[in-house]
PDB file of N, CA and C in Angstrom:
ATOM      1  N   MET A   1       2.550 -36.482-107.346  1.00  0.00           N
ATOM      2  CA  MET A   1       3.152 -35.282-106.899  1.00  0.00           C
ATOM      3  C   MET A   1       3.632 -34.332-108.013  1.00  0.00           C
ATOM      4  N   ILE A   2       4.384 -34.851-108.996  1.00  0.00           N
ATOM      5  CA  ILE A   2       4.706 -33.996-110.080  1.00  0.00           C
ATOM      6  C   ILE A   2       3.483 -33.573-110.948  1.00  0.00           C
ATOM      7  N   LYS A   3       2.474 -34.330-111.009  1.00  0.00           N
ATOM      8  CA  LYS A   3       1.331 -33.964-111.703  1.00  0.00           C
ATOM      9  C   LYS A   3       0.690 -32.727-111.011  1.00  0.00           C
ATOM     10  N   ALA A   4       0.641 -32.938-109.744  1.00  0.00           N
ATOM     11  CA  ALA A   4       0.014 -31.716-108.940  1.00  0.00           C
ATOM     12  C   ALA A   4       0.804 -30.403-109.056  1.00  0.00           C
ATOM     13  N   VAL A   5       2.140 -30.529-109.039  1.00  0.00           N
ATOM     14  CA  VAL A   5       2.914 -29.391-109.224  1.00  0.00           C
ATOM     15  C   VAL A   5       2.829 -28.798-110.639  1.00  0.00           C
ATOM     16  N   ARG A   6       2.754 -29.649-111.550  1.00  0.00           N
ATOM     17  CA  ARG A   6       2.542 -29.119-112.983  1.00  0.00           C
ATOM     18  C   ARG A   6       1.237 -28.519-113.146  1.00  0.00           C
ATOM     19  N   ASN A   7       0.213 -29.015-112.507  1.00  0.00           N
ATOM     20  CA  ASN A   7      -1.197 -28.450-112.673  1.00  0.00           C
ATOM     21  C   ASN A   7      -1.195 -27.028-111.920  1.00  0.00           C
ATOM     22  N   ASN A   8      -0.511 -27.038-110.743  1.00  0.00           N
ATOM     23  CA  ASN A   8      -0.498 -25.781-109.953  1.00  0.00           C
ATOM     24  C   ASN A   8       0.190 -24.618-110.764  1.00  0.00           C
ATOM     25  N   ILE A   9       1.345 -25.031-111.346  1.00  0.00           N
ATOM     26  CA  ILE A   9       2.026 -24.068-112.199  1.00  0.00           C
ATOM     27  C   ILE A   9       1.236 -23.505-113.445  1.00  0.00           C
ATOM     28  N   LYS A  10       0.601 -24.685-114.047  1.00  0.00           N
ATOM     29  CA  LYS A  10      -0.232 -24.245-115.185  1.00  0.00           C
ATOM     30  C   LYS A  10      -1.354 -23.294-114.748  1.00  0.00           C
ATOM     31  N   HIS A  11      -1.960 -23.585-113.683  1.00  0.00           N
ATOM     32  CA  HIS A  11      -2.998 -22.800-113.115  1.00  0.00           C
ATOM     33  C   HIS A  11      -2.594 -21.319-112.856  1.00  0.00           C
ATOM     34  N   LYS A  12      -1.406 -21.165-112.264  1.00  0.00           N
ATOM     35  CA  LYS A  12      -0.857 -19.846-111.916  1.00  0.00           C
ATOM     36  C   LYS A  12      -0.588 -19.137-113.292  1.00  0.00           C
ATOM     37  N   ILE A  13      -0.013 -19.815-114.247  1.00  0.00           N
ATOM     38  CA  ILE A  13       0.238 -19.048-115.591  1.00  0.00           C
ATOM     39  C   ILE A  13      -1.104 -18.727-116.315  1.00  0.00           C
ATOM     40  N   LEU A  14      -2.144 -19.647-116.263  1.00  0.00           N
ATOM     41  CA  LEU A  14      -3.431 -19.332-116.902  1.00  0.00           C
ATOM     42  C   LEU A  14      -4.118 -18.172-116.160  1.00  0.00           C
ATOM     43  N   PHE A  15      -3.862 -18.121-114.855  1.00  0.00           N
ATOM     44  CA  PHE A  15      -4.504 -16.998-114.072  1.00  0.00           C
ATOM     45  C   PHE A  15      -4.192 -15.514-114.589  1.00  0.00           C
ATOM     46  N   TRP A  16      -2.949 -15.443-115.076  1.00  0.00           N
ATOM     47  CA  TRP A  16      -2.448 -14.118-115.390  1.00  0.00           C
ATOM     48  C   TRP A  16      -2.731 -13.742-116.855  1.00  0.00           C
ATOM     49  N   LYS A  17      -3.376 -14.652-117.618  1.00  0.00           N
ATOM     50  CA  LYS A  17      -3.830 -14.400-119.003  1.00  0.00           C
ATOM     51  C   LYS A  17      -4.852 -13.301-118.960  1.00  0.00           C
ATOM     52  N   ILE A  18      -4.767 -12.323-119.932  1.00  0.00           N
ATOM     53  CA  ILE A  18      -5.648 -11.228-120.035  1.00  0.00           C
ATOM     54  C   ILE A  18      -7.104 -11.600-120.111  1.00  0.00           C
ATOM     55  N   PRO A  19      -7.541 -12.573-120.918  1.00  0.00           N
ATOM     56  CA  PRO A  19      -8.976 -12.926-120.915  1.00  0.00           C
ATOM     57  C   PRO A  19      -9.521 -13.367-119.653  1.00  0.00           C
ATOM     58  N   ASN A  20      -8.797 -14.156-118.849  1.00  0.00           N
ATOM     59  CA  ASN A  20      -9.239 -14.554-117.500  1.00  0.00           C
ATOM     60  C   ASN A  20      -9.282 -13.379-116.668  1.00  0.00           C
ATOM     61  N   LEU A  21      -8.411 -12.398-116.572  1.00  0.00           N
ATOM     62  CA  LEU A  21      -8.394 -11.254-115.798  1.00  0.00           C
ATOM     63  C   LEU A  21      -9.604 -10.410-116.136  1.00  0.00           C
ATOM     64  N   LYS A  22      -9.916 -10.253-117.438  1.00  0.00           N
ATOM     65  CA  LYS A  22     -11.093  -9.476-117.866  1.00  0.00           C
ATOM     66  C   LYS A  22     -12.391 -10.099-117.336  1.00  0.00           C
ATOM     67  N   ASP A  23     -12.497 -11.435-117.447  1.00  0.00           N
ATOM     68  CA  ASP A  23     -13.680 -12.083-117.033  1.00  0.00           C
ATOM     69  C   ASP A  23     -13.911 -11.869-115.564  1.00  0.00           C
ATOM     70  N   LEU A  24     -12.810 -11.999-114.740  1.00  0.00           N
ATOM     71  CA  LEU A  24     -12.931 -11.760-113.259  1.00  0.00           C
ATOM     72  C   LEU A  24     -13.412 -10.354-112.999  1.00  0.00           C
ATOM     73  N   PHE A  25     -12.833  -9.357-113.763  1.00  0.00           N
ATOM     74  CA  PHE A  25     -13.095  -8.014-113.480  1.00  0.00           C
ATOM     75  C   PHE A  25     -14.510  -7.766-113.807  1.00  0.00           C
ATOM     76  N   ILE A  26     -15.119  -8.288-114.927  1.00  0.00           N
ATOM     77  CA  ILE A  26     -16.462  -8.049-115.256  1.00  0.00           C
ATOM     78  C   ILE A  26     -17.436  -8.649-114.404  1.00  0.00           C
ATOM     79  N   LYS A  27     -17.019  -9.811-113.968  1.00  0.00           N
ATOM     80  CA  LYS A  27     -17.982 -10.652-113.036  1.00  0.00           C
ATOM     81  C   LYS A  27     -18.092 -10.013-111.790  1.00  0.00           C
ATOM     82  N   TYR A  28     -16.936  -9.714-111.021  1.00  0.00           N
ATOM     83  CA  TYR A  28     -17.022  -9.305-109.598  1.00  0.00           C
ATOM     84  C   TYR A  28     -16.694  -7.818-109.372  1.00  0.00           C
ATOM     85  N   GLY A  29     -16.184  -7.118-110.211  1.00  0.00           N
ATOM     86  CA  GLY A  29     -15.939  -5.682-110.128  1.00  0.00           C
ATOM     87  C   GLY A  29     -14.532  -5.457-109.569  1.00  0.00           C
ATOM     88  N   LEU A  30     -14.199  -4.089-109.399  1.00  0.00           N
ATOM     89  CA  LEU A  30     -12.860  -3.785-109.065  1.00  0.00           C
ATOM     90  C   LEU A  30     -12.382  -4.162-107.713  1.00  0.00           C
ATOM     91  N   PRO A  31     -13.195  -4.181-106.635  1.00  0.00           N
ATOM     92  CA  PRO A  31     -12.752  -4.575-105.342  1.00  0.00           C
ATOM     93  C   PRO A  31     -12.306  -5.949-105.307  1.00  0.00           C
ATOM     94  N   PHE A  32     -13.048  -6.817-105.966  1.00  0.00           N
ATOM     95  CA  PHE A  32     -12.627  -8.352-105.997  1.00  0.00           C
ATOM     96  C   PHE A  32     -11.466  -8.489-106.732  1.00  0.00           C
ATOM     97  N   PHE A  33     -11.227  -7.789-107.772  1.00  0.00           N
ATOM     98  CA  PHE A  33     -10.103  -7.894-108.689  1.00  0.00           C
ATOM     99  C   PHE A  33      -8.769  -7.410-107.843  1.00  0.00           C
ATOM    100  N   ILE A  34      -8.957  -6.346-107.152  1.00  0.00           N
ATOM    101  CA  ILE A  34      -7.860  -5.921-106.431  1.00  0.00           C
ATOM    102  C   ILE A  34      -7.376  -6.837-105.262  1.00  0.00           C
ATOM    103  N   ILE A  35      -8.448  -7.387-104.611  1.00  0.00           N
ATOM    104  CA  ILE A  35      -8.175  -8.501-103.575  1.00  0.00           C
ATOM    105  C   ILE A  35      -7.443  -9.556-104.199  1.00  0.00           C
ATOM    106  N   LEU A  36      -7.853 -10.087-105.339  1.00  0.00           N
ATOM    107  CA  LEU A  36      -7.318 -11.156-106.047  1.00  0.00           C
ATOM    108  C   LEU A  36      -5.828 -11.011-106.448  1.00  0.00           C
ATOM    109  N   ILE A  37      -5.547  -9.812-107.066  1.00  0.00           N
ATOM    110  CA  ILE A  37      -4.266  -9.507-107.395  1.00  0.00           C
ATOM    111  C   ILE A  37      -3.218  -9.295-106.277  1.00  0.00           C
ATOM    112  N   VAL A  38      -3.760  -8.606-105.235  1.00  0.00           N
ATOM    113  CA  VAL A  38      -2.912  -8.379-104.056  1.00  0.00           C
ATOM    114  C   VAL A  38      -2.609  -9.672-103.408  1.00  0.00           C
ATOM    115  N   TRP A  39      -3.619 -10.672-103.278  1.00  0.00           N
ATOM    116  CA  TRP A  39      -3.306 -11.891-102.580  1.00  0.00           C
ATOM    117  C   TRP A  39      -2.323 -12.738-103.467  1.00  0.00           C
ATOM    118  N   GLU A  40      -2.434 -12.722-104.754  1.00  0.00           N
ATOM    119  CA  GLU A  40      -1.439 -13.372-105.646  1.00  0.00           C
ATOM    120  C   GLU A  40      -0.028 -12.822-105.351  1.00  0.00           C
ATOM    121  N   ILE A  41       0.123 -11.475-105.272  1.00  0.00           N
ATOM    122  CA  ILE A  41       1.453 -10.908-104.914  1.00  0.00           C
ATOM    123  C   ILE A  41       1.967 -11.352-103.511  1.00  0.00           C
ATOM    124  N   VAL A  42       1.026 -11.337-102.522  1.00  0.00           N
ATOM    125  CA  VAL A  42       1.433 -11.824-101.248  1.00  0.00           C
ATOM    126  C   VAL A  42       1.796 -13.207-101.307  1.00  0.00           C
ATOM    127  N   GLU A  43       1.032 -13.988-101.837  1.00  0.00           N
ATOM    128  CA  GLU A  43       1.385 -15.561-101.928  1.00  0.00           C
ATOM    129  C   GLU A  43       2.710 -15.809-102.648  1.00  0.00           C
ATOM    130  N   ASP A  44       2.980 -15.143-103.711  1.00  0.00           N
ATOM    131  CA  ASP A  44       4.178 -15.414-104.602  1.00  0.00           C
ATOM    132  C   ASP A  44       5.329 -14.627-104.183  1.00  0.00           C
ATOM    133  N   VAL A  45       5.221 -13.523-103.650  1.00  0.00           N
ATOM    134  CA  VAL A  45       6.393 -12.589-103.309  1.00  0.00           C
ATOM    135  C   VAL A  45       6.721 -12.468-101.747  1.00  0.00           C
ATOM    136  N   ILE A  46       5.616 -12.094-101.077  1.00  0.00           N
ATOM    137  CA  ILE A  46       5.768 -11.753 -99.545  1.00  0.00           C
ATOM    138  C   ILE A  46       6.124 -12.922 -98.724  1.00  0.00           C
ATOM    139  N   PHE A  47       5.222 -14.021 -98.961  1.00  0.00           N
ATOM    140  CA  PHE A  47       5.470 -15.267 -98.186  1.00  0.00           C
ATOM    141  C   PHE A  47       6.996 -15.706 -98.331  1.00  0.00           C
ATOM    142  N   PRO A  48       7.509 -15.900 -99.623  1.00  0.00           N
ATOM    143  CA  PRO A  48       8.877 -16.329 -99.796  1.00  0.00           C
ATOM    144  C   PRO A  48       9.884 -15.349 -98.968  1.00  0.00           C
ATOM    145  N   ILE A  49       9.611 -14.096 -99.042  1.00  0.00           N
ATOM    146  CA  ILE A  49      10.596 -13.145 -98.367  1.00  0.00           C
ATOM    147  C   ILE A  49      10.507 -13.469 -96.910  1.00  0.00           C
ATOM    148  N   ILE A  50       9.224 -13.557 -96.314  1.00  0.00           N
ATOM    149  CA  ILE A  50       9.159 -13.889 -94.948  1.00  0.00           C
ATOM    150  C   ILE A  50       9.818 -15.122 -94.621  1.00  0.00           C
ATOM    151  N   PHE A  51       9.635 -16.253 -95.340  1.00  0.00           N
ATOM    152  CA  PHE A  51      10.324 -17.466 -95.060  1.00  0.00           C
ATOM    153  C   PHE A  51      11.849 -17.303 -95.190  1.00  0.00           C
ATOM    154  N   LEU A  52      12.396 -16.567 -96.156  1.00  0.00           N
ATOM    155  CA  LEU A  52      13.777 -16.250 -96.384  1.00  0.00           C
ATOM    156  C   LEU A  52      14.288 -15.590 -94.966  1.00  0.00           C
ATOM    157  N   PHE A  53      13.553 -14.601 -94.534  1.00  0.00           N
ATOM    158  CA  PHE A  53      14.015 -13.947 -93.322  1.00  0.00           C
ATOM    159  C   PHE A  53      13.985 -14.892 -92.097  1.00  0.00           C
ATOM    160  N   LEU A  54      12.943 -15.579 -91.978  1.00  0.00           N
ATOM    161  CA  LEU A  54      12.835 -16.579 -90.838  1.00  0.00           C
ATOM    162  C   LEU A  54      13.888 -17.606 -90.952  1.00  0.00           C
ATOM    163  N   GLY A  55      14.280 -18.159 -92.139  1.00  0.00           N
ATOM    164  CA  GLY A  55      15.136 -19.227 -92.357  1.00  0.00           C
ATOM    165  C   GLY A  55      16.680 -18.597 -92.004  1.00  0.00           C
ATOM    166  N   LYS A  56      16.812 -17.358 -92.253  1.00  0.00           N
ATOM    167  CA  LYS A  56      18.159 -16.747 -92.003  1.00  0.00           C
ATOM    168  C   LYS A  56      18.367 -16.367 -90.606  1.00  0.00           C
ATOM    169  N   ASN A  57      17.269 -15.935 -89.911  1.00  0.00           N
ATOM    170  CA  ASN A  57      17.407 -15.380 -88.486  1.00  0.00           C
ATOM    171  C   ASN A  57      16.834 -16.319 -87.350  1.00  0.00           C
ATOM    172  N   TYR A  58      16.121 -17.284 -87.727  1.00  0.00           N
ATOM    173  CA  TYR A  58      15.410 -18.005 -86.717  1.00  0.00           C
ATOM    174  C   TYR A  58      15.774 -19.577 -86.800  1.00  0.00           C
ATOM    175  N   ASP A  59      15.394 -20.154 -87.905  1.00  0.00           N
ATOM    176  CA  ASP A  59      15.683 -21.669 -87.976  1.00  0.00           C
ATOM    177  C   ASP A  59      15.744 -21.947 -89.513  1.00  0.00           C
ATOM    178  N   PRO A  60      16.750 -22.727 -89.985  1.00  0.00           N
ATOM    179  CA  PRO A  60      16.924 -23.045 -91.398  1.00  0.00           C
ATOM    180  C   PRO A  60      15.778 -23.839 -91.982  1.00  0.00           C
ATOM    181  N   ILE A  61      14.970 -24.485 -91.204  1.00  0.00           N
ATOM    182  CA  ILE A  61      13.896 -25.236 -91.665  1.00  0.00           C
ATOM    183  C   ILE A  61      12.818 -24.369 -92.543  1.00  0.00           C
ATOM    184  N   PHE A  62      12.857 -23.079 -92.245  1.00  0.00           N
ATOM    185  CA  PHE A  62      11.936 -22.101 -92.970  1.00  0.00           C
ATOM    186  C   PHE A  62      12.332 -21.977 -94.453  1.00  0.00           C
ATOM    187  N   TYR A  63      13.689 -22.319 -94.800  1.00  0.00           N
ATOM    188  CA  TYR A  63      13.965 -22.312 -96.181  1.00  0.00           C
ATOM    189  C   TYR A  63      13.203 -23.236 -96.985  1.00  0.00           C
ATOM    190  N   THR A  64      12.868 -24.341 -96.433  1.00  0.00           N
ATOM    191  CA  THR A  64      12.075 -25.309 -97.230  1.00  0.00           C
ATOM    192  C   THR A  64      10.650 -24.889 -97.531  1.00  0.00           C
ATOM    193  N   PHE A  65      10.198 -23.842 -96.802  1.00  0.00           N
ATOM    194  CA  PHE A  65       8.876 -23.340 -97.105  1.00  0.00           C
ATOM    195  C   PHE A  65       8.881 -22.352 -98.344  1.00  0.00           C
ATOM    196  N   ILE A  66      10.002 -21.827 -98.795  1.00  0.00           N
ATOM    197  CA  ILE A  66      10.036 -20.969 -99.926  1.00  0.00           C
ATOM    198  C   ILE A  66       9.588 -21.574-101.173  1.00  0.00           C
ATOM    199  N   PRO A  67       9.956 -22.752-101.643  1.00  0.00           N
ATOM    200  CA  PRO A  67       9.387 -23.303-102.815  1.00  0.00           C
ATOM    201  C   PRO A  67       7.920 -23.825-102.481  1.00  0.00           C
ATOM    202  N   ALA A  68       7.762 -24.279-101.262  1.00  0.00           N
ATOM    203  CA  ALA A  68       6.344 -24.711-100.935  1.00  0.00           C
ATOM    204  C   ALA A  68       5.302 -23.505-101.074  1.00  0.00           C
ATOM    205  N   SER A  69       5.693 -22.339-100.785  1.00  0.00           N
ATOM    206  CA  SER A  69       4.817 -21.152-101.005  1.00  0.00           C
ATOM    207  C   SER A  69       4.481 -20.945-102.369  1.00  0.00           C
ATOM    208  N   TRP A  70       5.228 -21.364-103.304  1.00  0.00           N
ATOM    209  CA  TRP A  70       5.048 -21.184-104.843  1.00  0.00           C
ATOM    210  C   TRP A  70       4.193 -22.484-105.249  1.00  0.00           C
ATOM    211  N   ILE A  71       4.351 -23.641-104.651  1.00  0.00           N
ATOM    212  CA  ILE A  71       3.582 -24.808-105.036  1.00  0.00           C
ATOM    213  C   ILE A  71       2.299 -24.884-104.431  1.00  0.00           C
ATOM    214  N   ILE A  72       2.021 -24.566-103.123  1.00  0.00           N
ATOM    215  CA  ILE A  72       0.821 -24.638-102.512  1.00  0.00           C
ATOM    216  C   ILE A  72       0.044 -23.369-102.919  1.00  0.00           C
ATOM    217  N   CYS A  73      -1.157 -23.603-103.291  1.00  0.00           N
ATOM    218  CA  CYS A  73      -1.978 -22.525-103.728  1.00  0.00           C
ATOM    219  C   CYS A  73      -3.130 -22.273-102.683  1.00  0.00           C
ATOM    220  N   LEU A  74      -3.057 -21.026-102.118  1.00  0.00           N
ATOM    221  CA  LEU A  74      -3.899 -20.833-100.938  1.00  0.00           C
ATOM    222  C   LEU A  74      -5.096 -19.804-101.334  1.00  0.00           C
ATOM    223  N   HIS A  75      -5.054 -19.287-102.629  1.00  0.00           N
ATOM    224  CA  HIS A  75      -6.066 -18.290-102.911  1.00  0.00           C
ATOM    225  C   HIS A  75      -7.471 -18.948-102.930  1.00  0.00           C
ATOM    226  N   PRO A  76      -7.738 -20.229-103.223  1.00  0.00           N
ATOM    227  CA  PRO A  76      -9.081 -20.613-103.097  1.00  0.00           C
ATOM    228  C   PRO A  76      -9.701 -20.474-101.667  1.00  0.00           C
ATOM    229  N   ILE A  77      -8.823 -20.427-100.764  1.00  0.00           N
ATOM    230  CA  ILE A  77      -9.264 -20.229 -99.218  1.00  0.00           C
ATOM    231  C   ILE A  77      -9.185 -18.816 -98.989  1.00  0.00           C
ATOM    232  N   ALA A  78      -8.052 -18.109 -99.215  1.00  0.00           N
ATOM    233  CA  ALA A  78      -7.832 -16.810 -98.685  1.00  0.00           C
ATOM    234  C   ALA A  78      -8.681 -15.729 -99.466  1.00  0.00           C
ATOM    235  N   VAL A  79      -8.830 -15.885-100.774  1.00  0.00           N
ATOM    236  CA  VAL A  79      -9.587 -14.744-101.527  1.00  0.00           C
ATOM    237  C   VAL A  79     -11.176 -14.780-101.033  1.00  0.00           C
ATOM    238  N   PRO A  80     -11.730 -15.939-100.988  1.00  0.00           N
ATOM    239  CA  PRO A  80     -13.222 -15.817-100.421  1.00  0.00           C
ATOM    240  C   PRO A  80     -13.264 -15.248 -99.069  1.00  0.00           C
ATOM    241  N   LEU A  81     -12.312 -15.616 -98.225  1.00  0.00           N
ATOM    242  CA  LEU A  81     -12.309 -15.208 -96.826  1.00  0.00           C
ATOM    243  C   LEU A  81     -12.074 -13.551 -96.922  1.00  0.00           C
ATOM    244  N   LEU A  82     -11.134 -13.096 -97.595  1.00  0.00           N
ATOM    245  CA  LEU A  82     -10.886 -11.597 -97.707  1.00  0.00           C
ATOM    246  C   LEU A  82     -12.155 -10.950 -98.352  1.00  0.00           C
ATOM    247  N   TRP A  83     -12.755 -11.562 -99.423  1.00  0.00           N
ATOM    248  CA  TRP A  83     -13.916 -10.963-100.048  1.00  0.00           C
ATOM    249  C   TRP A  83     -15.053 -10.805 -99.016  1.00  0.00           C
ATOM    250  N   SER A  84     -15.299 -11.802 -98.141  1.00  0.00           N
ATOM    251  CA  SER A  84     -16.383 -11.830 -97.238  1.00  0.00           C
ATOM    252  C   SER A  84     -16.160 -10.728 -96.172  1.00  0.00           C
ATOM    253  N   VAL A  85     -14.875 -10.598 -95.710  1.00  0.00           N
ATOM    254  CA  VAL A  85     -14.549  -9.511 -94.837  1.00  0.00           C
ATOM    255  C   VAL A  85     -14.748  -8.079 -95.414  1.00  0.00           C
ATOM    256  N   TRP A  86     -14.399  -7.969 -96.730  1.00  0.00           N
ATOM    257  CA  TRP A  86     -14.628  -6.723 -97.450  1.00  0.00           C
ATOM    258  C   TRP A  86     -16.103  -6.432 -97.549  1.00  0.00           C
ATOM    259  N   CYS A  87     -16.935  -7.484 -97.891  1.00  0.00           N
ATOM    260  CA  CYS A  87     -18.388  -7.250 -97.939  1.00  0.00           C
ATOM    261  C   CYS A  87     -18.986  -7.003 -96.634  1.00  0.00           C
ATOM    262  N   TYR A  88     -18.542  -7.582 -95.613  1.00  0.00           N
ATOM    263  CA  TYR A  88     -18.967  -7.225 -94.271  1.00  0.00           C
ATOM    264  C   TYR A  88     -18.783  -5.856 -93.862  1.00  0.00           C
ATOM    265  N   PHE A  89     -17.509  -5.310 -93.983  1.00  0.00           N
ATOM    266  CA  PHE A  89     -17.327  -4.013 -93.685  1.00  0.00           C
ATOM    267  C   PHE A  89     -17.892  -2.943 -94.707  1.00  0.00           C
ATOM    268  N   ARG A  90     -18.075  -3.270 -95.814  1.00  0.00           N
ATOM    269  CA  ARG A  90     -18.701  -2.448 -96.909  1.00  0.00           C
ATOM    270  C   ARG A  90     -20.175  -2.291 -96.559  1.00  0.00           C
ATOM    271  N   ASN A  91     -20.922  -3.425 -96.261  1.00  0.00           N
ATOM    272  CA  ASN A  91     -22.310  -3.375 -95.887  1.00  0.00           C
ATOM    273  C   ASN A  91     -22.521  -2.606 -94.570  1.00  0.00           C
ATOM    274  N   ARG A  92     -21.575  -2.740 -93.598  1.00  0.00           N
ATOM    275  CA  ARG A  92     -21.687  -2.206 -92.303  1.00  0.00           C
ATOM    276  C   ARG A  92     -21.501  -0.626 -92.554  1.00  0.00           C
ATOM    277  N   LYS A  93     -20.716  -0.256 -93.452  1.00  0.00           N
ATOM    278  CA  LYS A  93     -20.384   1.174 -93.694  1.00  0.00           C
ATOM    279  C   LYS A  93     -21.656   1.798 -94.405  1.00  0.00           C
ATOM    280  N   ASP A  94     -22.263   1.001 -95.305  1.00  0.00           N
ATOM    281  CA  ASP A  94     -23.523   1.456 -95.993  1.00  0.00           C
ATOM    282  C   ASP A  94     -24.703   1.683 -95.105  1.00  0.00           C
ATOM    283  N   LYS A  95     -24.801   0.664 -94.071  1.00  0.00           N
ATOM    284  CA  LYS A  95     -25.911   0.802 -93.102  1.00  0.00           C
ATOM    285  C   LYS A  95     -25.820   2.023 -92.272  1.00  0.00           C
ATOM    286  N   GLN A  96     -24.578   2.461 -91.919  1.00  0.00           N
ATOM    287  CA  GLN A  96     -24.339   3.592 -90.949  1.00  0.00           C
ATOM    288  C   GLN A  96     -24.874   4.880 -91.681  1.00  0.00           C
ATOM    289  N   LYS A  97     -24.896   4.881 -93.003  1.00  0.00           N
ATOM    290  CA  LYS A  97     -25.229   6.220 -93.654  1.00  0.00           C
ATOM    291  C   LYS A  97     -26.770   6.463 -93.702  1.00  0.00           C
TER     292      LYS A  97
END
């Protein structure tokens, strides 16, 4: 358990290094880069705020999800899903022209 948490924290730190961000930008372009950055912000900032609000106003059990949202890494699932949605609507828009 501790090893998994340590690896996840290490992965999150390595993600924000400049060479890694440059490689992602060069490989996939600006739309993918924006989706990736926005998802990281949602995962690390917005989810804890939502869980804080739910813990305060609905049920205190949601307070336990605040640290879990920092430990559990969802971007391997969410970013490809958002990228495929972006590609679908982008291709659809191009076909209409």
